[in-house]
Amino acid sequence: MSTKRRLKRYIPNLSELEYDLQCEWGAECCVRLNDLKEFYRHLDEHLSNYINQYQQVPNLTCQWRNCGHVEEFDISSFIRHVQFHGFHTKLKYLGMKTCEHNHPNIPPCQKSSENRNIIPDLPVEFRCSWGECQFTNSHAQLFYEHVNQHAGSDVCRWTGKIQKQKFLFFFSYTRQQ
């Protein structure tokens, strides 16, 4: 069975999926949005307001619940960090829906959720390594949408140290989005 066919069996149809994304910026925001672009716009408003208020402060502290990441002197890295929280929220939601789709009788996770918003450090922009492509972006969602555009090609032109099998799996998955 092909990778694409296996994925279709396990991943809910994303084109029919209605999101339910909750903002976790600070203690006061509990906004829930069902449109991904609106969710990112909402997050950008928080970012803009925070940066305008604290732009003279040398350290920017992430206001996402249970994060506390501190960025020193690098606003672009701080923006990338906060935007990745939005992308991570989307991934968590898709994971939850995939579990519900495949295993509806499994009870919700009972582990403490205090580490749910720990994300990796992202010191540099996302860079496309497809052939001669020079695309870079700070926003993970836009980066993966860009890479997905390359996925229509029959020949893998991704450069670097990545195995083709893993790469093909990635494209099969992103093609679903």
C-alpha atoms as a PDB file:
ATOM      1  CA  MET A   1       0.000   0.000   0.000  1.00  0.00           C
ATOM      2  CA  SER A   2       1.361   3.443  -0.895  1.00  0.00           C
ATOM      3  CA  THR A   3       2.284   5.988   1.747  1.00  0.00           C
ATOM      4  CA  LYS A   4      -0.394   8.334   0.467  1.00  0.00           C
ATOM      5  CA  ARG A   5      -3.076   5.647   0.747  1.00  0.00           C
ATOM      6  CA  ARG A   6      -1.977   4.743   4.288  1.00  0.00           C
ATOM      7  CA  LEU A   7      -2.103   8.387   5.328  1.00  0.00           C
ATOM      8  CA  LYS A   8      -5.602   8.863   3.930  1.00  0.00           C
ATOM      9  CA  ARG A   9      -6.733   5.963   6.069  1.00  0.00           C
ATOM     10  CA  TYR A  10      -5.447   7.571   9.288  1.00  0.00           C
ATOM     11  CA  ILE A  11      -5.692  11.316   8.762  1.00  0.00           C
ATOM     12  CA  PRO A  12      -9.116  12.961   8.676  1.00  0.00           C
ATOM     13  CA  ASN A  13      -9.987  14.825   5.491  1.00  0.00           C
ATOM     14  CA  LEU A  14      -8.393  18.194   6.214  1.00  0.00           C
ATOM     15  CA  SER A  15     -10.394  20.038   3.573  1.00  0.00           C
ATOM     16  CA  GLU A  16     -13.573  19.161   5.506  1.00  0.00           C
ATOM     17  CA  LEU A  17     -12.095  19.819   8.935  1.00  0.00           C
ATOM     18  CA  GLU A  18     -13.372  22.818  10.856  1.00  0.00           C
ATOM     19  CA  TYR A  19     -10.725  24.104  13.217  1.00  0.00           C
ATOM     20  CA  ASP A  20     -11.307  25.069  16.824  1.00  0.00           C
ATOM     21  CA  LEU A  21      -8.116  26.928  17.708  1.00  0.00           C
ATOM     22  CA  GLN A  22      -7.794  28.572  21.109  1.00  0.00           C
ATOM     23  CA  CYS A  23      -5.490  31.512  21.638  1.00  0.00           C
ATOM     24  CA  GLU A  24      -3.325  31.121  24.738  1.00  0.00           C
ATOM     25  CA  TRP A  25      -1.769  34.583  24.780  1.00  0.00           C
ATOM     26  CA  GLY A  26      -1.567  35.747  28.372  1.00  0.00           C
ATOM     27  CA  ALA A  27      -4.053  34.919  31.078  1.00  0.00           C
ATOM     28  CA  GLU A  28      -6.785  37.118  29.643  1.00  0.00           C
ATOM     29  CA  CYS A  29      -7.222  35.846  26.057  1.00  0.00           C
ATOM     30  CA  CYS A  30      -9.472  32.841  25.539  1.00  0.00           C
ATOM     31  CA  VAL A  31     -10.523  33.597  21.954  1.00  0.00           C
ATOM     32  CA  ARG A  32     -11.415  30.518  19.896  1.00  0.00           C
ATOM     33  CA  LEU A  33     -11.385  30.720  16.113  1.00  0.00           C
ATOM     34  CA  ASN A  34     -12.335  28.181  13.473  1.00  0.00           C
ATOM     35  CA  ASP A  35     -10.470  29.820  10.600  1.00  0.00           C
ATOM     36  CA  LEU A  36      -6.706  29.269  10.467  1.00  0.00           C
ATOM     37  CA  LYS A  37      -5.922  32.598   8.773  1.00  0.00           C
ATOM     38  CA  GLU A  38      -8.064  34.480  11.283  1.00  0.00           C
ATOM     39  CA  PHE A  39      -6.249  32.679  14.083  1.00  0.00           C
ATOM     40  CA  TYR A  40      -2.865  33.806  12.719  1.00  0.00           C
ATOM     41  CA  ARG A  41      -4.178  37.377  12.259  1.00  0.00           C
ATOM     42  CA  HIS A  42      -5.388  37.385  15.853  1.00  0.00           C
ATOM     43  CA  LEU A  43      -1.992  36.183  17.043  1.00  0.00           C
ATOM     44  CA  ASP A  44      -0.269  38.871  14.947  1.00  0.00           C
ATOM     45  CA  GLU A  45      -2.393  41.515  16.708  1.00  0.00           C
ATOM     46  CA  HIS A  46      -1.127  40.297  20.081  1.00  0.00           C
ATOM     47  CA  LEU A  47       2.435  40.347  18.756  1.00  0.00           C
ATOM     48  CA  SER A  48       2.124  43.841  17.328  1.00  0.00           C
ATOM     49  CA  ASN A  49       0.605  45.242  20.523  1.00  0.00           C
ATOM     50  CA  TYR A  50       3.223  43.566  22.712  1.00  0.00           C
ATOM     51  CA  ILE A  51       6.181  44.666  20.593  1.00  0.00           C
ATOM     52  CA  ASN A  52       4.882  48.252  20.369  1.00  0.00           C
ATOM     53  CA  GLN A  53       4.489  48.337  24.138  1.00  0.00           C
ATOM     54  CA  TYR A  54       7.852  46.757  24.976  1.00  0.00           C
ATOM     55  CA  GLN A  55      10.093  47.667  22.031  1.00  0.00           C
ATOM     56  CA  GLN A  56      12.486  49.606  24.271  1.00  0.00           C
ATOM     57  CA  VAL A  57      12.947  46.630  26.614  1.00  0.00           C
ATOM     58  CA  PRO A  58      16.018  44.497  25.771  1.00  0.00           C
ATOM     59  CA  ASN A  59      14.303  41.211  26.699  1.00  0.00           C
ATOM     60  CA  LEU A  60      10.991  40.122  25.227  1.00  0.00           C
ATOM     61  CA  THR A  61       9.151  37.428  27.197  1.00  0.00           C
ATOM     62  CA  CYS A  62       6.710  35.155  25.398  1.00  0.00           C
ATOM     63  CA  GLN A  63       3.221  35.605  26.812  1.00  0.00           C
ATOM     64  CA  TRP A  64       1.928  32.255  25.544  1.00  0.00           C
ATOM     65  CA  ARG A  65       0.638  30.229  28.476  1.00  0.00           C
ATOM     66  CA  ASN A  66       3.176  27.863  30.035  1.00  0.00           C
ATOM     67  CA  CYS A  67       6.000  29.095  27.820  1.00  0.00           C
ATOM     68  CA  GLY A  68       8.020  31.909  29.365  1.00  0.00           C
ATOM     69  CA  HIS A  69      10.632  31.955  26.578  1.00  0.00           C
ATOM     70  CA  VAL A  70      12.832  35.061  26.780  1.00  0.00           C
ATOM     71  CA  GLU A  71      14.340  36.541  23.630  1.00  0.00           C
ATOM     72  CA  GLU A  72      17.181  38.992  24.033  1.00  0.00           C
ATOM     73  CA  PHE A  73      17.595  41.797  21.497  1.00  0.00           C
ATOM     74  CA  ASP A  74      16.135  39.911  18.501  1.00  0.00           C
ATOM     75  CA  ILE A  75      12.607  40.944  17.587  1.00  0.00           C
ATOM     76  CA  SER A  76      12.513  38.797  14.418  1.00  0.00           C
ATOM     77  CA  SER A  77      13.411  35.687  16.417  1.00  0.00           C
ATOM     78  CA  PHE A  78      10.743  36.585  18.981  1.00  0.00           C
ATOM     79  CA  ILE A  79       8.133  36.974  16.229  1.00  0.00           C
ATOM     80  CA  ARG A  80       9.159  33.611  14.727  1.00  0.00           C
ATOM     81  CA  HIS A  81       8.854  32.013  18.175  1.00  0.00           C
ATOM     82  CA  VAL A  82       5.346  33.358  18.828  1.00  0.00           C
ATOM     83  CA  GLN A  83       4.140  32.541  15.305  1.00  0.00           C
ATOM     84  CA  PHE A  84       5.368  28.982  15.828  1.00  0.00           C
ATOM     85  CA  HIS A  85       3.046  28.749  18.838  1.00  0.00           C
ATOM     86  CA  GLY A  86       0.197  29.348  16.386  1.00  0.00           C
ATOM     87  CA  PHE A  87       1.504  26.632  14.060  1.00  0.00           C
ATOM     88  CA  HIS A  88       2.013  24.308  17.032  1.00  0.00           C
ATOM     89  CA  THR A  89      -1.584  24.955  18.136  1.00  0.00           C
ATOM     90  CA  LYS A  90      -2.736  23.856  14.684  1.00  0.00           C
ATOM     91  CA  LEU A  91      -0.600  20.683  14.892  1.00  0.00           C
ATOM     92  CA  LYS A  92      -1.951  19.826  18.335  1.00  0.00           C
ATOM     93  CA  TYR A  93      -5.501  20.249  17.063  1.00  0.00           C
ATOM     94  CA  LEU A  94      -4.839  18.070  13.996  1.00  0.00           C
ATOM     95  CA  GLY A  95      -3.272  15.421  16.241  1.00  0.00           C
ATOM     96  CA  MET A  96      -6.304  15.440  18.511  1.00  0.00           C
ATOM     97  CA  LYS A  97      -8.677  15.134  15.537  1.00  0.00           C
ATOM     98  CA  THR A  98      -6.579  12.318  14.051  1.00  0.00           C
ATOM     99  CA  CYS A  99      -6.786  10.407  17.337  1.00  0.00           C
ATOM    100  CA  GLU A 100     -10.542  10.988  17.548  1.00  0.00           C
ATOM    101  CA  HIS A 101     -10.931   9.860  13.927  1.00  0.00           C
ATOM    102  CA  ASN A 102      -8.944   6.639  14.368  1.00  0.00           C
ATOM    103  CA  HIS A 103      -9.593   5.749  17.997  1.00  0.00           C
ATOM    104  CA  PRO A 104     -12.864   7.334  19.155  1.00  0.00           C
ATOM    105  CA  ASN A 105     -13.007   5.181  22.300  1.00  0.00           C
ATOM    106  CA  ILE A 106      -9.635   6.244  23.683  1.00  0.00           C
ATOM    107  CA  PRO A 107     -10.129   8.657  26.593  1.00  0.00           C
ATOM    108  CA  PRO A 108      -8.436  12.071  26.478  1.00  0.00           C
ATOM    109  CA  CYS A 109      -4.853  12.318  27.684  1.00  0.00           C
ATOM    110  CA  GLN A 110      -4.552  12.400  31.469  1.00  0.00           C
ATOM    111  CA  LYS A 111      -0.988  13.768  31.570  1.00  0.00           C
ATOM    112  CA  SER A 112      -0.360  17.210  32.940  1.00  0.00           C
ATOM    113  CA  SER A 113      -0.681  19.826  30.225  1.00  0.00           C
ATOM    114  CA  GLU A 114       1.897  22.190  31.716  1.00  0.00           C
ATOM    115  CA  ASN A 115       4.475  21.244  29.043  1.00  0.00           C
ATOM    116  CA  ARG A 116       2.058  21.402  26.119  1.00  0.00           C
ATOM    117  CA  ASN A 117       3.411  24.723  24.863  1.00  0.00           C
ATOM    118  CA  ILE A 118       7.134  24.041  24.984  1.00  0.00           C
ATOM    119  CA  ILE A 119       8.412  24.494  21.445  1.00  0.00           C
ATOM    120  CA  PRO A 120      11.893  24.224  19.907  1.00  0.00           C
ATOM    121  CA  ASP A 121      14.263  27.153  19.599  1.00  0.00           C
ATOM    122  CA  LEU A 122      14.092  28.619  16.106  1.00  0.00           C
ATOM    123  CA  PRO A 123      17.258  30.699  15.742  1.00  0.00           C
ATOM    124  CA  VAL A 124      16.980  31.134  11.949  1.00  0.00           C
ATOM    125  CA  GLU A 125      14.276  31.465   9.330  1.00  0.00           C
ATOM    126  CA  PHE A 126      12.836  28.416   7.594  1.00  0.00           C
ATOM    127  CA  ARG A 127      14.736  27.861   4.330  1.00  0.00           C
ATOM    128  CA  CYS A 128      13.531  25.881   1.329  1.00  0.00           C
ATOM    129  CA  SER A 129      16.147  23.412   0.096  1.00  0.00           C
ATOM    130  CA  TRP A 130      14.368  22.418  -3.093  1.00  0.00           C
ATOM    131  CA  GLY A 131      16.929  22.630  -5.879  1.00  0.00           C
ATOM    132  CA  GLU A 132      17.910  26.235  -6.454  1.00  0.00           C
ATOM    133  CA  CYS A 133      14.949  27.695  -4.563  1.00  0.00           C
ATOM    134  CA  GLN A 134      15.964  30.578  -2.297  1.00  0.00           C
ATOM    135  CA  PHE A 135      12.669  30.973  -0.408  1.00  0.00           C
ATOM    136  CA  THR A 136      12.965  31.793   3.300  1.00  0.00           C
ATOM    137  CA  ASN A 137      10.253  32.695   5.762  1.00  0.00           C
ATOM    138  CA  SER A 138       9.849  33.182   9.492  1.00  0.00           C
ATOM    139  CA  HIS A 139       6.352  31.707   9.578  1.00  0.00           C
ATOM    140  CA  ALA A 140       6.192  27.888   9.656  1.00  0.00           C
ATOM    141  CA  GLN A 141       2.725  27.758   8.057  1.00  0.00           C
ATOM    142  CA  LEU A 142       3.812  29.855   5.068  1.00  0.00           C
ATOM    143  CA  PHE A 143       7.018  27.840   4.732  1.00  0.00           C
ATOM    144  CA  TYR A 144       5.197  24.485   4.605  1.00  0.00           C
ATOM    145  CA  GLU A 145       2.622  25.890   2.182  1.00  0.00           C
ATOM    146  CA  HIS A 146       5.533  26.954  -0.044  1.00  0.00           C
ATOM    147  CA  VAL A 147       7.260  23.560   0.173  1.00  0.00           C
ATOM    148  CA  ASN A 148       3.952  21.889  -0.624  1.00  0.00           C
ATOM    149  CA  GLN A 149       3.935  23.729  -3.968  1.00  0.00           C
ATOM    150  CA  HIS A 150       7.087  21.820  -4.913  1.00  0.00           C
ATOM    151  CA  ALA A 151       5.393  18.512  -4.034  1.00  0.00           C
ATOM    152  CA  GLY A 152       3.732  18.210  -7.447  1.00  0.00           C
ATOM    153  CA  SER A 153       7.074  17.392  -9.023  1.00  0.00           C
ATOM    154  CA  ASP A 154       7.790  13.734  -9.796  1.00  0.00           C
ATOM    155  CA  VAL A 155      11.473  14.162  -9.016  1.00  0.00           C
ATOM    156  CA  CYS A 156      12.698  14.966  -5.540  1.00  0.00           C
ATOM    157  CA  ARG A 157      15.064  17.936  -5.753  1.00  0.00           C
ATOM    158  CA  TRP A 158      15.436  18.491  -2.016  1.00  0.00           C
ATOM    159  CA  THR A 159      19.101  19.011  -1.174  1.00  0.00           C
ATOM    160  CA  GLY A 160      20.887  18.294   2.058  1.00  0.00           C
ATOM    161  CA  LYS A 161      21.006  15.418   4.479  1.00  0.00           C
ATOM    162  CA  ILE A 162      17.504  14.056   4.316  1.00  0.00           C
ATOM    163  CA  GLN A 163      16.494  10.572   3.275  1.00  0.00           C
ATOM    164  CA  LYS A 164      14.201  10.428   0.280  1.00  0.00           C
ATOM    165  CA  GLN A 165      11.786   8.082   2.046  1.00  0.00           C
ATOM    166  CA  LYS A 166      11.272  10.550   4.879  1.00  0.00           C
ATOM    167  CA  PHE A 167      11.002  13.365   2.357  1.00  0.00           C
ATOM    168  CA  LEU A 168       8.361  11.547   0.328  1.00  0.00           C
ATOM    169  CA  PHE A 169       6.405  10.844   3.516  1.00  0.00           C
ATOM    170  CA  PHE A 170       6.559  14.561   4.339  1.00  0.00           C
ATOM    171  CA  PHE A 171       5.192  15.497   0.938  1.00  0.00           C
ATOM    172  CA  SER A 172       2.468  12.878   1.091  1.00  0.00           C
ATOM    173  CA  TYR A 173       1.388  14.345   4.399  1.00  0.00           C
ATOM    174  CA  THR A 174       1.610  18.015   3.413  1.00  0.00           C
ATOM    175  CA  ARG A 175      -0.242  17.312   0.194  1.00  0.00           C
ATOM    176  CA  GLN A 176      -3.238  16.421   2.371  1.00  0.00           C
ATOM    177  CA  GLN A 177      -3.236  19.923   3.828  1.00  0.00           C
END
